[in-house]
């Protein structure tokens, strides 16, 4: 599951509610701004914690890959292997070593 936008969505929703409440209360600019900054900071931290918890829980809930899928990544199929020329690994030792 894609949990990347969760902190941003939670923070923006809290900031919108904070702005609406401050406008309805006819708060001064400094009060408005201080409320907004505090709300954004708190809900950004909360959203990040929620994202971490969700990432951890979804990681543990994912079923493990089957053995066949794991082996496909390690062992190629017989059709995937190309025939190569046989390489002669014997060395031509026609020169005799000199003893002196």
N, C-alpha and C. Protein backbone atom coordinates (compact mmCIF):
# COMPACT_ATOMS: atom_id res chain seq x y z
N UNK A 1 0.84 -1.18 0.00
CA UNK A 1 0.00 0.00 0.00
C UNK A 1 0.89 1.24 0.00
N UNK A 2 0.49 2.22 -0.77
CA UNK A 2 1.24 3.46 -0.85
C UNK A 2 0.82 4.38 0.29
N UNK A 3 1.68 4.51 1.28
CA UNK A 3 1.36 5.34 2.45
C UNK A 3 2.11 6.66 2.46
N UNK A 4 2.79 6.97 1.38
CA UNK A 4 3.60 8.19 1.33
C UNK A 4 2.78 9.47 1.55
N UNK A 5 1.57 9.62 0.96
CA UNK A 5 0.85 10.89 1.12
C UNK A 5 0.06 11.02 2.43
N UNK A 6 0.07 10.03 3.29
CA UNK A 6 -0.74 10.08 4.51
C UNK A 6 -0.36 11.24 5.42
N UNK A 7 0.93 11.49 5.74
CA UNK A 7 1.24 12.62 6.61
C UNK A 7 0.83 13.97 6.00
N UNK A 8 0.96 14.10 4.72
CA UNK A 8 0.62 15.36 4.06
C UNK A 8 -0.89 15.59 4.10
N UNK A 9 -1.66 14.55 3.84
CA UNK A 9 -3.12 14.68 3.86
C UNK A 9 -3.62 15.03 5.26
N UNK A 10 -3.09 14.35 6.27
CA UNK A 10 -3.50 14.62 7.64
C UNK A 10 -3.12 16.05 8.04
N UNK A 11 -1.92 16.48 7.68
CA UNK A 11 -1.47 17.82 8.03
C UNK A 11 -2.30 18.89 7.34
N UNK A 12 -2.59 18.70 6.06
CA UNK A 12 -3.38 19.71 5.33
C UNK A 12 -4.82 19.78 5.84
N UNK A 13 -5.38 18.63 6.19
CA UNK A 13 -6.75 18.64 6.75
C UNK A 13 -6.78 19.37 8.08
N UNK A 14 -5.80 19.13 8.94
CA UNK A 14 -5.74 19.81 10.24
C UNK A 14 -5.50 21.31 10.05
N UNK A 15 -4.67 21.68 9.09
CA UNK A 15 -4.41 23.10 8.83
C UNK A 15 -5.67 23.79 8.31
N UNK A 16 -6.43 23.13 7.47
CA UNK A 16 -7.67 23.71 6.96
C UNK A 16 -8.66 23.93 8.10
N UNK A 17 -8.81 22.96 8.96
CA UNK A 17 -9.73 23.10 10.10
C UNK A 17 -9.26 24.22 11.02
N UNK A 18 -7.94 24.30 11.25
CA UNK A 18 -7.40 25.36 12.10
C UNK A 18 -7.66 26.74 11.50
N UNK A 19 -7.49 26.86 10.20
CA UNK A 19 -7.74 28.14 9.53
C UNK A 19 -9.21 28.53 9.63
N UNK A 20 -10.10 27.60 9.40
CA UNK A 20 -11.53 27.88 9.47
C UNK A 20 -11.92 28.32 10.89
N UNK A 21 -11.43 27.61 11.89
CA UNK A 21 -11.74 27.96 13.29
C UNK A 21 -11.20 29.35 13.62
N UNK A 22 -9.97 29.65 13.19
CA UNK A 22 -9.39 30.96 13.47
C UNK A 22 -10.16 32.08 12.77
N UNK A 23 -10.64 31.83 11.56
CA UNK A 23 -11.42 32.85 10.84
C UNK A 23 -12.76 33.07 11.51
N UNK A 24 -13.42 31.99 11.92
CA UNK A 24 -14.72 32.11 12.59
C UNK A 24 -14.57 32.86 13.91
N UNK A 25 -13.50 32.65 14.63
CA UNK A 25 -13.26 33.32 15.90
C UNK A 25 -12.70 34.73 15.72
N UNK A 26 -12.43 35.13 14.51
CA UNK A 26 -11.85 36.43 14.17
C UNK A 26 -10.56 36.69 14.97
N UNK A 27 -9.68 35.72 14.91
CA UNK A 27 -8.41 35.81 15.62
C UNK A 27 -7.48 36.77 14.91
N UNK A 28 -6.60 37.40 15.67
CA UNK A 28 -5.60 38.29 15.09
C UNK A 28 -4.58 37.49 14.28
N UNK A 29 -3.80 38.23 13.49
CA UNK A 29 -2.86 37.57 12.59
C UNK A 29 -1.82 36.75 13.35
N UNK A 30 -1.26 37.28 14.41
CA UNK A 30 -0.22 36.56 15.16
C UNK A 30 -0.80 35.29 15.81
N UNK A 31 -2.02 35.39 16.35
CA UNK A 31 -2.67 34.21 16.94
C UNK A 31 -2.98 33.20 15.85
N UNK A 32 -3.50 33.69 14.72
CA UNK A 32 -3.82 32.83 13.58
C UNK A 32 -2.59 32.06 13.13
N UNK A 33 -1.48 32.79 12.96
CA UNK A 33 -0.25 32.17 12.48
C UNK A 33 0.34 31.20 13.49
N UNK A 34 0.33 31.56 14.76
CA UNK A 34 0.88 30.66 15.78
C UNK A 34 0.05 29.39 15.89
N UNK A 35 -1.28 29.50 15.82
CA UNK A 35 -2.13 28.30 15.84
C UNK A 35 -1.82 27.41 14.65
N UNK A 36 -1.69 28.02 13.49
CA UNK A 36 -1.44 27.26 12.26
C UNK A 36 -0.11 26.51 12.33
N UNK A 37 0.93 27.19 12.79
CA UNK A 37 2.25 26.55 12.86
C UNK A 37 2.24 25.41 13.87
N UNK A 38 1.62 25.61 15.01
CA UNK A 38 1.56 24.56 16.04
C UNK A 38 0.77 23.36 15.54
N UNK A 39 -0.38 23.62 14.91
CA UNK A 39 -1.22 22.52 14.39
C UNK A 39 -0.48 21.74 13.30
N UNK A 40 0.18 22.46 12.40
CA UNK A 40 0.90 21.79 11.32
C UNK A 40 2.02 20.92 11.89
N UNK A 41 2.77 21.43 12.85
CA UNK A 41 3.88 20.66 13.42
C UNK A 41 3.36 19.40 14.13
N UNK A 42 2.32 19.57 14.95
CA UNK A 42 1.79 18.42 15.71
C UNK A 42 1.23 17.35 14.78
N UNK A 43 0.42 17.77 13.81
CA UNK A 43 -0.22 16.79 12.93
C UNK A 43 0.75 16.19 11.91
N UNK A 44 1.83 16.89 11.59
CA UNK A 44 2.85 16.30 10.73
C UNK A 44 3.54 15.15 11.45
N UNK A 45 3.85 15.35 12.72
CA UNK A 45 4.46 14.28 13.52
C UNK A 45 3.48 13.11 13.67
N UNK A 46 2.22 13.41 13.97
CA UNK A 46 1.23 12.33 14.12
C UNK A 46 1.04 11.56 12.81
N UNK A 47 0.99 12.27 11.69
CA UNK A 47 0.85 11.61 10.39
C UNK A 47 2.02 10.72 10.06
N UNK A 48 3.23 11.18 10.42
CA UNK A 48 4.42 10.38 10.18
C UNK A 48 4.40 9.11 11.03
N UNK A 49 3.98 9.22 12.28
CA UNK A 49 3.88 8.05 13.15
C UNK A 49 2.85 7.06 12.61
N UNK A 50 1.71 7.58 12.14
CA UNK A 50 0.67 6.72 11.55
C UNK A 50 1.21 6.00 10.31
N UNK A 51 1.96 6.73 9.48
CA UNK A 51 2.54 6.13 8.27
C UNK A 51 3.51 5.01 8.63
N UNK A 52 4.35 5.23 9.64
CA UNK A 52 5.31 4.21 10.05
C UNK A 52 4.59 2.97 10.55
N UNK A 53 3.54 3.16 11.35
CA UNK A 53 2.78 2.02 11.87
C UNK A 53 2.12 1.25 10.73
N UNK A 54 1.52 1.97 9.77
CA UNK A 54 0.88 1.30 8.64
C UNK A 54 1.89 0.55 7.78
N UNK A 55 3.05 1.17 7.53
CA UNK A 55 4.09 0.48 6.75
C UNK A 55 4.52 -0.80 7.44
N UNK A 56 4.69 -0.74 8.76
CA UNK A 56 5.11 -1.92 9.50
C UNK A 56 4.03 -3.01 9.46
N UNK A 57 2.79 -2.61 9.64
CA UNK A 57 1.72 -3.61 9.67
C UNK A 57 1.48 -4.23 8.30
N UNK A 58 1.58 -3.45 7.22
CA UNK A 58 1.40 -4.02 5.89
C UNK A 58 2.57 -4.89 5.49
N UNK A 59 3.76 -4.59 6.00
CA UNK A 59 4.91 -5.41 5.68
C UNK A 59 4.77 -6.78 6.33
N UNK A 60 4.23 -6.85 7.54
CA UNK A 60 4.09 -8.13 8.22
C UNK A 60 2.90 -8.92 7.69
N UNK A 61 1.93 -8.27 7.06
CA UNK A 61 0.76 -8.96 6.54
C UNK A 61 0.96 -9.54 5.15
N UNK A 62 2.00 -9.12 4.44
CA UNK A 62 2.23 -9.62 3.09
C UNK A 62 2.60 -11.10 3.15
N UNK A 63 1.97 -11.91 2.30
CA UNK A 63 2.32 -13.34 2.31
C UNK A 63 3.72 -13.54 1.73
N UNK A 64 4.45 -14.49 2.25
CA UNK A 64 5.78 -14.74 1.71
C UNK A 64 5.69 -15.31 0.30
N UNK A 65 6.69 -15.05 -0.49
CA UNK A 65 6.71 -15.55 -1.87
C UNK A 65 6.85 -17.06 -1.86
N UNK A 66 6.22 -17.71 -2.84
CA UNK A 66 6.30 -19.16 -2.91
C UNK A 66 7.71 -19.59 -3.30
N UNK A 67 8.01 -20.83 -3.06
CA UNK A 67 9.34 -21.35 -3.35
C UNK A 67 9.61 -21.31 -4.85
N UNK A 68 8.57 -21.57 -5.66
CA UNK A 68 8.74 -21.53 -7.11
C UNK A 68 9.14 -20.14 -7.58
N UNK A 69 8.51 -19.11 -7.02
CA UNK A 69 8.84 -17.75 -7.40
C UNK A 69 10.27 -17.40 -6.98
N UNK A 70 10.67 -17.87 -5.82
CA UNK A 70 12.03 -17.59 -5.36
C UNK A 70 13.05 -18.30 -6.23
N UNK A 71 12.75 -19.54 -6.64
CA UNK A 71 13.69 -20.30 -7.46
C UNK A 71 13.79 -19.73 -8.88
N UNK A 72 12.70 -19.16 -9.39
CA UNK A 72 12.73 -18.58 -10.74
C UNK A 72 13.73 -17.43 -10.80
N UNK A 73 13.87 -16.72 -9.71
CA UNK A 73 14.83 -15.62 -9.68
C UNK A 73 16.26 -16.09 -9.59
N UNK A 74 16.48 -17.29 -9.07
CA UNK A 74 17.84 -17.79 -8.87
C UNK A 74 18.27 -18.71 -10.01
N UNK A 75 17.40 -19.66 -10.39
CA UNK A 75 17.74 -20.66 -11.40
C UNK A 75 16.99 -20.33 -12.68
N UNK A 76 17.71 -20.07 -13.78
CA UNK A 76 17.02 -19.77 -15.04
C UNK A 76 16.39 -21.02 -15.63
N UNK A 77 15.39 -20.81 -16.46
CA UNK A 77 14.75 -21.94 -17.14
C UNK A 77 15.72 -22.54 -18.15
N UNK A 78 15.45 -23.78 -18.55
CA UNK A 78 16.32 -24.47 -19.51
C UNK A 78 16.31 -23.77 -20.86
N UNK A 79 15.19 -23.15 -21.24
CA UNK A 79 15.10 -22.46 -22.51
C UNK A 79 15.87 -21.15 -22.53
N UNK A 80 16.16 -20.61 -21.36
CA UNK A 80 16.88 -19.34 -21.27
C UNK A 80 18.39 -19.49 -21.45
N UNK A 81 18.88 -20.72 -21.28
CA UNK A 81 20.32 -20.95 -21.36
C UNK A 81 20.69 -21.14 -22.82
N UNK A 82 21.63 -20.32 -23.29
CA UNK A 82 22.08 -20.42 -24.67
C UNK A 82 23.18 -21.46 -24.77
N UNK A 83 23.22 -22.16 -25.90
CA UNK A 83 24.26 -23.14 -26.12
C UNK A 83 25.54 -22.39 -26.48
N UNK A 84 26.60 -22.70 -25.80
CA UNK A 84 27.88 -22.07 -26.08
C UNK A 84 28.83 -23.11 -26.64
N UNK A 85 29.88 -22.64 -27.32
CA UNK A 85 30.87 -23.55 -27.87
C UNK A 85 31.66 -24.16 -26.73
N UNK A 86 32.06 -25.39 -26.95
CA UNK A 86 32.88 -26.03 -25.93
C UNK A 86 34.28 -25.44 -26.00
N UNK A 87 34.81 -25.12 -24.88
CA UNK A 87 36.13 -24.51 -24.81
C UNK A 87 37.11 -25.57 -24.32
N UNK A 88 38.18 -25.70 -25.06
CA UNK A 88 39.20 -26.67 -24.69
C UNK A 88 40.05 -26.07 -23.60
N UNK A 89 40.00 -26.67 -22.44
CA UNK A 89 40.73 -26.11 -21.30
C UNK A 89 42.11 -26.73 -21.13
N UNK A 90 42.45 -27.69 -21.98
CA UNK A 90 43.79 -28.28 -21.87
C UNK A 90 44.77 -27.34 -22.53
N UNK A 91 45.88 -27.18 -21.89
CA UNK A 91 46.89 -26.28 -22.43
C UNK A 91 47.86 -27.05 -23.31
N UNK A 92 48.34 -26.37 -24.31
CA UNK A 92 49.33 -26.98 -25.19
C UNK A 92 50.70 -26.76 -24.60
N UNK A 93 51.24 -27.78 -23.98
CA UNK A 93 52.56 -27.68 -23.34
C UNK A 93 53.60 -28.35 -24.23
N UNK A 94 53.77 -27.86 -25.43
CA UNK A 94 54.72 -28.49 -26.35
C UNK A 94 56.17 -28.13 -25.99
N UNK A 95 56.33 -27.02 -25.31
CA UNK A 95 57.69 -26.65 -24.94
C UNK A 95 58.07 -27.37 -23.64
N UNK A 96 59.19 -27.97 -23.67
CA UNK A 96 59.64 -28.64 -22.46
C UNK A 96 60.40 -27.66 -21.60
N UNK A 97 60.30 -27.85 -20.32
CA UNK A 97 61.03 -26.95 -19.43
C UNK A 97 62.51 -27.27 -19.46
N UNK A 98 63.28 -26.26 -19.38
CA UNK A 98 64.73 -26.45 -19.44
C UNK A 98 65.27 -26.65 -18.03
N UNK A 99 66.07 -27.67 -17.91
CA UNK A 99 66.70 -27.90 -16.62
C UNK A 99 68.16 -27.54 -16.77
N UNK A 100 68.66 -26.80 -15.81
CA UNK A 100 70.01 -26.38 -16.02
C UNK A 100 70.91 -26.48 -14.94
